[in-house]
């Protein structure tokens, strides 16, 4: 009889010891979310928020105002990225 899609992966895990696999995965998960990585996630999110705020603010300017600043409308993402880097 034909097995449903993906069932061969489960059966091979069961044969090789599913419990050992789960224990190994749980040990790895605790290393992924230590304090350093959490701070990097927060820092990256805050940088992204500043970048979006800068993009939005520059996008609200008229083309003449942007030209006075020496910025083309297509350069807004680049200028915002450089302005918000730590």
PDB file of N, CA and C in Angstrom:
ATOM      1  N   UNK A   1       0.833  -1.172   0.000  1.00  0.00           N
ATOM      2  CA  UNK A   1       0.000   0.000   0.000  1.00  0.00           C
ATOM      3  C   UNK A   1       0.880   1.238   0.000  1.00  0.00           C
ATOM      4  N   UNK A   2       0.439   2.269  -0.671  1.00  0.00           N
ATOM      5  CA  UNK A   2       1.204   3.508  -0.809  1.00  0.00           C
ATOM      6  C   UNK A   2       1.099   4.350   0.464  1.00  0.00           C
ATOM      7  N   UNK A   3       2.238   4.805   0.971  1.00  0.00           N
ATOM      8  CA  UNK A   3       2.246   5.662   2.163  1.00  0.00           C
ATOM      9  C   UNK A   3       1.919   7.103   1.785  1.00  0.00           C
ATOM     10  N   UNK A   4       1.226   7.843   2.636  1.00  0.00           N
ATOM     11  CA  UNK A   4       0.966   9.257   2.361  1.00  0.00           C
ATOM     12  C   UNK A   4       2.277  10.029   2.309  1.00  0.00           C
ATOM     13  N   UNK A   5       2.251  11.167   1.653  1.00  0.00           N
ATOM     14  CA  UNK A   5       3.445  12.000   1.492  1.00  0.00           C
ATOM     15  C   UNK A   5       4.022  12.385   2.847  1.00  0.00           C
ATOM     16  N   UNK A   6       5.308  12.215   3.011  1.00  0.00           N
ATOM     17  CA  UNK A   6       5.981  12.619   4.233  1.00  0.00           C
ATOM     18  C   UNK A   6       6.030  11.544   5.303  1.00  0.00           C
ATOM     19  N   UNK A   7       5.281  10.473   5.142  1.00  0.00           N
ATOM     20  CA  UNK A   7       5.256   9.459   6.184  1.00  0.00           C
ATOM     21  C   UNK A   7       6.574   8.694   6.256  1.00  0.00           C
ATOM     22  N   UNK A   8       7.328   8.653   5.151  1.00  0.00           N
ATOM     23  CA  UNK A   8       8.603   7.951   5.184  1.00  0.00           C
ATOM     24  C   UNK A   8       9.593   8.648   6.106  1.00  0.00           C
ATOM     25  N   UNK A   9       9.505   9.968   6.241  1.00  0.00           N
ATOM     26  CA  UNK A   9      10.400  10.695   7.136  1.00  0.00           C
ATOM     27  C   UNK A   9      10.094  10.364   8.592  1.00  0.00           C
ATOM     28  N   UNK A  10       8.844  10.266   8.934  1.00  0.00           N
ATOM     29  CA  UNK A  10       8.460   9.947  10.302  1.00  0.00           C
ATOM     30  C   UNK A  10       8.894   8.535  10.655  1.00  0.00           C
ATOM     31  N   UNK A  11       8.664   7.606   9.731  1.00  0.00           N
ATOM     32  CA  UNK A  11       9.030   6.230  10.038  1.00  0.00           C
ATOM     33  C   UNK A  11      10.537   6.083  10.192  1.00  0.00           C
ATOM     34  N   UNK A  12      11.346   6.798   9.425  1.00  0.00           N
ATOM     35  CA  UNK A  12      12.798   6.696   9.579  1.00  0.00           C
ATOM     36  C   UNK A  12      13.244   7.322  10.891  1.00  0.00           C
ATOM     37  N   UNK A  13      12.568   8.400  11.344  1.00  0.00           N
ATOM     38  CA  UNK A  13      12.897   8.976  12.645  1.00  0.00           C
ATOM     39  C   UNK A  13      12.533   8.021  13.766  1.00  0.00           C
ATOM     40  N   UNK A  14      11.411   7.353  13.620  1.00  0.00           N
ATOM     41  CA  UNK A  14      10.998   6.408  14.656  1.00  0.00           C
ATOM     42  C   UNK A  14      11.976   5.251  14.742  1.00  0.00           C
ATOM     43  N   UNK A  15      12.462   4.802  13.598  1.00  0.00           N
ATOM     44  CA  UNK A  15      13.403   3.690  13.593  1.00  0.00           C
ATOM     45  C   UNK A  15      14.734   4.099  14.215  1.00  0.00           C
ATOM     46  N   UNK A  16      15.167   5.357  13.973  1.00  0.00           N
ATOM     47  CA  UNK A  16      16.474   5.783  14.471  1.00  0.00           C
ATOM     48  C   UNK A  16      16.408   6.337  15.887  1.00  0.00           C
ATOM     49  N   UNK A  17      15.259   6.373  16.475  1.00  0.00           N
ATOM     50  CA  UNK A  17      15.133   6.845  17.853  1.00  0.00           C
ATOM     51  C   UNK A  17      14.652   8.287  17.898  1.00  0.00           C
ATOM     52  N   UNK A  18      13.360   8.488  17.839  1.00  0.00           N
ATOM     53  CA  UNK A  18      12.773   9.823  17.817  1.00  0.00           C
ATOM     54  C   UNK A  18      13.095  10.594  19.087  1.00  0.00           C
ATOM     55  N   UNK A  19      13.155   9.913  20.221  1.00  0.00           N
ATOM     56  CA  UNK A  19      13.431  10.604  21.485  1.00  0.00           C
ATOM     57  C   UNK A  19      14.812  11.238  21.481  1.00  0.00           C
ATOM     58  N   UNK A  20      15.803  10.567  20.957  1.00  0.00           N
ATOM     59  CA  UNK A  20      17.147  11.131  20.900  1.00  0.00           C
ATOM     60  C   UNK A  20      17.158  12.379  20.023  1.00  0.00           C
ATOM     61  N   UNK A  21      16.416  12.355  18.946  1.00  0.00           N
ATOM     62  CA  UNK A  21      16.341  13.513  18.057  1.00  0.00           C
ATOM     63  C   UNK A  21      15.700  14.702  18.763  1.00  0.00           C
ATOM     64  N   UNK A  22      14.629  14.467  19.487  1.00  0.00           N
ATOM     65  CA  UNK A  22      13.931  15.549  20.176  1.00  0.00           C
ATOM     66  C   UNK A  22      14.818  16.142  21.256  1.00  0.00           C
ATOM     67  N   UNK A  23      15.520  15.311  22.024  1.00  0.00           N
ATOM     68  CA  UNK A  23      16.435  15.824  23.054  1.00  0.00           C
ATOM     69  C   UNK A  23      17.510  16.689  22.417  1.00  0.00           C
ATOM     70  N   UNK A  24      18.081  16.253  21.303  1.00  0.00           N
ATOM     71  CA  UNK A  24      19.125  17.003  20.616  1.00  0.00           C
ATOM     72  C   UNK A  24      18.594  18.353  20.141  1.00  0.00           C
ATOM     73  N   UNK A  25      17.395  18.359  19.570  1.00  0.00           N
ATOM     74  CA  UNK A  25      16.803  19.607  19.075  1.00  0.00           C
ATOM     75  C   UNK A  25      16.546  20.566  20.230  1.00  0.00           C
ATOM     76  N   UNK A  26      16.089  20.073  21.362  1.00  0.00           N
ATOM     77  CA  UNK A  26      15.825  20.944  22.502  1.00  0.00           C
ATOM     78  C   UNK A  26      17.113  21.552  23.052  1.00  0.00           C
ATOM     79  N   UNK A  27      18.194  20.797  23.076  1.00  0.00           N
ATOM     80  CA  UNK A  27      19.472  21.343  23.537  1.00  0.00           C
ATOM     81  C   UNK A  27      19.938  22.460  22.610  1.00  0.00           C
ATOM     82  N   UNK A  28      19.765  22.294  21.334  1.00  0.00           N
ATOM     83  CA  UNK A  28      20.173  23.316  20.376  1.00  0.00           C
ATOM     84  C   UNK A  28      19.325  24.572  20.521  1.00  0.00           C
ATOM     85  N   UNK A  29      18.029  24.407  20.783  1.00  0.00           N
ATOM     86  CA  UNK A  29      17.137  25.554  20.903  1.00  0.00           C
ATOM     87  C   UNK A  29      17.539  26.465  22.043  1.00  0.00           C
ATOM     88  N   UNK A  30      18.016  25.915  23.152  1.00  0.00           N
ATOM     89  CA  UNK A  30      18.392  26.758  24.279  1.00  0.00           C
ATOM     90  C   UNK A  30      19.607  27.608  23.949  1.00  0.00           C
ATOM     91  N   UNK A  31      20.491  27.125  23.098  1.00  0.00           N
ATOM     92  CA  UNK A  31      21.665  27.903  22.706  1.00  0.00           C
ATOM     93  C   UNK A  31      21.310  29.023  21.738  1.00  0.00           C
ATOM     94  N   UNK A  32      20.266  28.840  20.965  1.00  0.00           N
ATOM     95  CA  UNK A  32      19.894  29.846  19.968  1.00  0.00           C
ATOM     96  C   UNK A  32      19.381  31.110  20.640  1.00  0.00           C
ATOM     97  N   UNK A  33      18.629  30.986  21.725  1.00  0.00           N
ATOM     98  CA  UNK A  33      17.989  32.138  22.344  1.00  0.00           C
ATOM     99  C   UNK A  33      18.664  32.531  23.654  1.00  0.00           C
ATOM    100  N   UNK A  34      19.969  32.785  23.603  1.00  0.00           N
ATOM    101  CA  UNK A  34      20.626  33.294  24.795  1.00  0.00           C
ATOM    102  C   UNK A  34      20.504  34.820  24.819  1.00  0.00           C
ATOM    103  N   UNK A  35      21.027  35.466  25.832  1.00  0.00           N
ATOM    104  CA  UNK A  35      20.877  36.910  25.994  1.00  0.00           C
ATOM    105  C   UNK A  35      21.501  37.723  24.870  1.00  0.00           C
ATOM    106  N   UNK A  36      22.629  37.264  24.334  1.00  0.00           N
ATOM    107  CA  UNK A  36      23.300  38.004  23.266  1.00  0.00           C
ATOM    108  C   UNK A  36      22.440  38.057  22.019  1.00  0.00           C
ATOM    109  N   UNK A  37      21.874  36.923  21.631  1.00  0.00           N
ATOM    110  CA  UNK A  37      21.035  36.893  20.436  1.00  0.00           C
ATOM    111  C   UNK A  37      19.758  37.690  20.631  1.00  0.00           C
ATOM    112  N   UNK A  38      19.212  37.672  21.828  1.00  0.00           N
ATOM    113  CA  UNK A  38      18.005  38.453  22.100  1.00  0.00           C
ATOM    114  C   UNK A  38      18.300  39.940  21.936  1.00  0.00           C
ATOM    115  N   UNK A  39      19.463  40.370  22.403  1.00  0.00           N
ATOM    116  CA  UNK A  39      19.835  41.780  22.260  1.00  0.00           C
ATOM    117  C   UNK A  39      20.051  42.140  20.793  1.00  0.00           C
ATOM    118  N   UNK A  40      20.608  41.218  20.013  1.00  0.00           N
ATOM    119  CA  UNK A  40      20.786  41.475  18.582  1.00  0.00           C
ATOM    120  C   UNK A  40      19.448  41.613  17.878  1.00  0.00           C
ATOM    121  N   UNK A  41      18.476  40.821  18.294  1.00  0.00           N
ATOM    122  CA  UNK A  41      17.146  40.907  17.692  1.00  0.00           C
ATOM    123  C   UNK A  41      16.519  42.249  18.024  1.00  0.00           C
ATOM    124  N   UNK A  42      16.638  42.668  19.276  1.00  0.00           N
ATOM    125  CA  UNK A  42      16.082  43.961  19.688  1.00  0.00           C
ATOM    126  C   UNK A  42      16.782  45.095  18.956  1.00  0.00           C
ATOM    127  N   UNK A  43      18.098  45.022  18.873  1.00  0.00           N
ATOM    128  CA  UNK A  43      18.873  46.069  18.190  1.00  0.00           C
ATOM    129  C   UNK A  43      18.483  46.145  16.715  1.00  0.00           C
ATOM    130  N   UNK A  44      18.363  45.001  16.068  1.00  0.00           N
ATOM    131  CA  UNK A  44      17.988  44.981  14.652  1.00  0.00           C
ATOM    132  C   UNK A  44      16.594  45.547  14.444  1.00  0.00           C
ATOM    133  N   UNK A  45      15.676  45.198  15.324  1.00  0.00           N
ATOM    134  CA  UNK A  45      14.318  45.718  15.209  1.00  0.00           C
ATOM    135  C   UNK A  45      14.289  47.232  15.383  1.00  0.00           C
ATOM    136  N   UNK A  46      15.034  47.752  16.360  1.00  0.00           N
ATOM    137  CA  UNK A  46      15.080  49.197  16.558  1.00  0.00           C
ATOM    138  C   UNK A  46      15.726  49.919  15.386  1.00  0.00           C
ATOM    139  N   UNK A  47      16.774  49.335  14.796  1.00  0.00           N
ATOM    140  CA  UNK A  47      17.389  49.932  13.608  1.00  0.00           C
ATOM    141  C   UNK A  47      16.405  49.953  12.447  1.00  0.00           C
ATOM    142  N   UNK A  48      15.648  48.865  12.296  1.00  0.00           N
ATOM    143  CA  UNK A  48      14.650  48.811  11.221  1.00  0.00           C
ATOM    144  C   UNK A  48      13.582  49.874  11.430  1.00  0.00           C
ATOM    145  N   UNK A  49      13.139  50.073  12.688  1.00  0.00           N
ATOM    146  CA  UNK A  49      12.130  51.109  12.974  1.00  0.00           C
ATOM    147  C   UNK A  49      12.652  52.501  12.635  1.00  0.00           C
ATOM    148  N   UNK A  50      13.918  52.790  12.991  1.00  0.00           N
ATOM    149  CA  UNK A  50      14.505  54.093  12.654  1.00  0.00           C
ATOM    150  C   UNK A  50      14.625  54.253  11.140  1.00  0.00           C
ATOM    151  N   UNK A  51      15.002  53.181  10.461  1.00  0.00           N
ATOM    152  CA  UNK A  51      15.111  53.213   8.998  1.00  0.00           C
ATOM    153  C   UNK A  51      13.757  53.527   8.364  1.00  0.00           C
ATOM    154  N   UNK A  52      12.690  52.818   8.808  1.00  0.00           N
ATOM    155  CA  UNK A  52      11.346  53.060   8.254  1.00  0.00           C
ATOM    156  C   UNK A  52      10.870  54.478   8.545  1.00  0.00           C
ATOM    157  N   UNK A  53      11.135  54.976   9.757  1.00  0.00           N
ATOM    158  CA  UNK A  53      10.732  56.336  10.104  1.00  0.00           C
ATOM    159  C   UNK A  53      11.458  57.347   9.227  1.00  0.00           C
ATOM    160  N   UNK A  54      12.741  57.121   8.984  1.00  0.00           N
ATOM    161  CA  UNK A  54      13.515  58.025   8.128  1.00  0.00           C
ATOM    162  C   UNK A  54      13.005  57.970   6.693  1.00  0.00           C
ATOM    163  N   UNK A  55      12.744  56.771   6.190  1.00  0.00           N
ATOM    164  CA  UNK A  55      12.191  56.642   4.829  1.00  0.00           C
ATOM    165  C   UNK A  55      10.853  57.365   4.713  1.00  0.00           C
ATOM    166  N   UNK A  56       9.986  57.171   5.688  1.00  0.00           N
ATOM    167  CA  UNK A  56       8.672  57.816   5.654  1.00  0.00           C
ATOM    168  C   UNK A  56       8.793  59.333   5.697  1.00  0.00           C
ATOM    169  N   UNK A  57       9.681  59.828   6.542  1.00  0.00           N
ATOM    170  CA  UNK A  57       9.849  61.271   6.658  1.00  0.00           C
ATOM    171  C   UNK A  57      10.405  61.866   5.366  1.00  0.00           C
ATOM    172  N   UNK A  58      11.389  61.217   4.781  1.00  0.00           N
ATOM    173  CA  UNK A  58      11.948  61.723   3.515  1.00  0.00           C
ATOM    174  C   UNK A  58      10.936  61.596   2.383  1.00  0.00           C
ATOM    175  N   UNK A  59      10.117  60.563   2.396  1.00  0.00           N
ATOM    176  CA  UNK A  59       9.127  60.383   1.336  1.00  0.00           C
ATOM    177  C   UNK A  59       8.037  61.449   1.381  1.00  0.00           C
ATOM    178  N   UNK A  60       7.809  62.027   2.546  1.00  0.00           N
ATOM    179  CA  UNK A  60       6.803  63.086   2.659  1.00  0.00           C
ATOM    180  C   UNK A  60       7.257  64.408   2.057  1.00  0.00           C
ATOM    181  N   UNK A  61       8.565  64.566   1.870  1.00  0.00           N
ATOM    182  CA  UNK A  61       9.084  65.809   1.295  1.00  0.00           C
ATOM    183  C   UNK A  61       8.748  65.891  -0.186  1.00  0.00           C
ATOM    184  N   UNK A  62       8.622  67.105  -0.684  1.00  0.00           N
ATOM    185  CA  UNK A  62       8.388  67.289  -2.118  1.00  0.00           C
ATOM    186  C   UNK A  62       9.691  67.046  -2.864  1.00  0.00           C
ATOM    187  N   UNK A  63       9.582  66.886  -4.168  1.00  0.00           N
ATOM    188  CA  UNK A  63      10.782  66.674  -4.980  1.00  0.00           C
ATOM    189  C   UNK A  63      11.712  67.880  -4.902  1.00  0.00           C
ATOM    190  N   UNK A  64      11.150  69.073  -4.807  1.00  0.00           N
ATOM    191  CA  UNK A  64      11.982  70.281  -4.706  1.00  0.00           C
ATOM    192  C   UNK A  64      12.755  70.303  -3.384  1.00  0.00           C
ATOM    193  N   UNK A  65      12.071  69.930  -2.301  1.00  0.00           N
ATOM    194  CA  UNK A  65      12.744  69.889  -1.006  1.00  0.00           C
ATOM    195  C   UNK A  65      13.851  68.837  -0.995  1.00  0.00           C
ATOM    196  N   UNK A  66      13.585  67.685  -1.593  1.00  0.00           N
ATOM    197  CA  UNK A  66      14.614  66.654  -1.691  1.00  0.00           C
ATOM    198  C   UNK A  66      15.788  67.130  -2.533  1.00  0.00           C
ATOM    199  N   UNK A  67      15.490  67.827  -3.629  1.00  0.00           N
ATOM    200  CA  UNK A  67      16.533  68.360  -4.495  1.00  0.00           C
ATOM    201  C   UNK A  67      17.398  69.375  -3.737  1.00  0.00           C
ATOM    202  N   UNK A  68      16.772  70.197  -2.895  1.00  0.00           N
ATOM    203  CA  UNK A  68      17.531  71.153  -2.090  1.00  0.00           C
ATOM    204  C   UNK A  68      18.498  70.435  -1.146  1.00  0.00           C
ATOM    205  N   UNK A  69      18.132  69.245  -0.706  1.00  0.00           N
ATOM    206  CA  UNK A  69      19.003  68.449   0.167  1.00  0.00           C
ATOM    207  C   UNK A  69      20.016  67.626  -0.627  1.00  0.00           C
ATOM    208  N   UNK A  70      19.873  67.612  -1.948  1.00  0.00           N
ATOM    209  CA  UNK A  70      20.773  66.838  -2.797  1.00  0.00           C
ATOM    210  C   UNK A  70      20.425  65.368  -2.843  1.00  0.00           C
ATOM    211  N   UNK A  71      19.140  65.071  -2.663  1.00  0.00           N
ATOM    212  CA  UNK A  71      18.674  63.673  -2.649  1.00  0.00           C
ATOM    213  C   UNK A  71      17.651  63.482  -3.750  1.00  0.00           C
ATOM    214  N   UNK A  72      17.812  62.441  -4.539  1.00  0.00           N
ATOM    215  CA  UNK A  72      16.791  62.034  -5.495  1.00  0.00           C
ATOM    216  C   UNK A  72      15.809  61.102  -4.787  1.00  0.00           C
ATOM    217  N   UNK A  73      14.599  61.035  -5.273  1.00  0.00           N
ATOM    218  CA  UNK A  73      13.600  60.183  -4.639  1.00  0.00           C
ATOM    219  C   UNK A  73      14.037  58.712  -4.628  1.00  0.00           C
ATOM    220  N   UNK A  74      14.729  58.278  -5.648  1.00  0.00           N
ATOM    221  CA  UNK A  74      15.215  56.898  -5.707  1.00  0.00           C
ATOM    222  C   UNK A  74      16.340  56.616  -4.724  1.00  0.00           C
ATOM    223  N   UNK A  75      16.965  57.658  -4.197  1.00  0.00           N
ATOM    224  CA  UNK A  75      18.058  57.491  -3.239  1.00  0.00           C
ATOM    225  C   UNK A  75      17.590  57.405  -1.792  1.00  0.00           C
ATOM    226  N   UNK A  76      16.302  57.556  -1.546  1.00  0.00           N
ATOM    227  CA  UNK A  76      15.788  57.595  -0.172  1.00  0.00           C
ATOM    228  C   UNK A  76      16.170  56.344   0.625  1.00  0.00           C
ATOM    229  N   UNK A  77      15.992  55.129   0.109  1.00  0.00           N
ATOM    230  CA  UNK A  77      16.385  53.952   0.916  1.00  0.00           C
ATOM    231  C   UNK A  77      17.870  53.947   1.270  1.00  0.00           C
ATOM    232  N   UNK A  78      18.719  54.330   0.332  1.00  0.00           N
ATOM    233  CA  UNK A  78      20.155  54.365   0.577  1.00  0.00           C
ATOM    234  C   UNK A  78      20.502  55.407   1.639  1.00  0.00           C
ATOM    235  N   UNK A  79      19.945  56.598   1.511  1.00  0.00           N
ATOM    236  CA  UNK A  79      20.216  57.674   2.460  1.00  0.00           C
ATOM    237  C   UNK A  79      19.698  57.295   3.847  1.00  0.00           C
ATOM    238  N   UNK A  80      18.514  56.712   3.910  1.00  0.00           N
ATOM    239  CA  UNK A  80      17.950  56.306   5.186  1.00  0.00           C
ATOM    240  C   UNK A  80      18.792  55.204   5.836  1.00  0.00           C
ATOM    241  N   UNK A  81      19.273  54.258   5.067  1.00  0.00           N
ATOM    242  CA  UNK A  81      20.106  53.184   5.610  1.00  0.00           C
ATOM    243  C   UNK A  81      21.386  53.749   6.194  1.00  0.00           C
ATOM    244  N   UNK A  82      22.018  54.670   5.480  1.00  0.00           N
ATOM    245  CA  UNK A  82      23.270  55.269   5.978  1.00  0.00           C
ATOM    246  C   UNK A  82      23.024  56.130   7.201  1.00  0.00           C
ATOM    247  N   UNK A  83      21.885  56.802   7.240  1.00  0.00           N
ATOM    248  CA  UNK A  83      21.584  57.702   8.362  1.00  0.00           C
ATOM    249  C   UNK A  83      21.254  56.939   9.643  1.00  0.00           C
ATOM    250  N   UNK A  84      20.747  55.734   9.525  1.00  0.00           N
ATOM    251  CA  UNK A  84      20.300  55.000  10.712  1.00  0.00           C
ATOM    252  C   UNK A  84      21.288  53.952  11.187  1.00  0.00           C
ATOM    253  N   UNK A  85      22.428  53.816  10.543  1.00  0.00           N
ATOM    254  CA  UNK A  85      23.416  52.851  11.016  1.00  0.00           C
ATOM    255  C   UNK A  85      24.020  53.345  12.324  1.00  0.00           C
ATOM    256  N   UNK A  86      24.137  52.380  13.265  1.00  0.00           N
ATOM    257  CA  UNK A  86      24.617  52.610  14.613  1.00  0.00           C
ATOM    258  C   UNK A  86      25.791  53.479  14.698  1.00  0.00           C
TER     259      UNK A  86
END
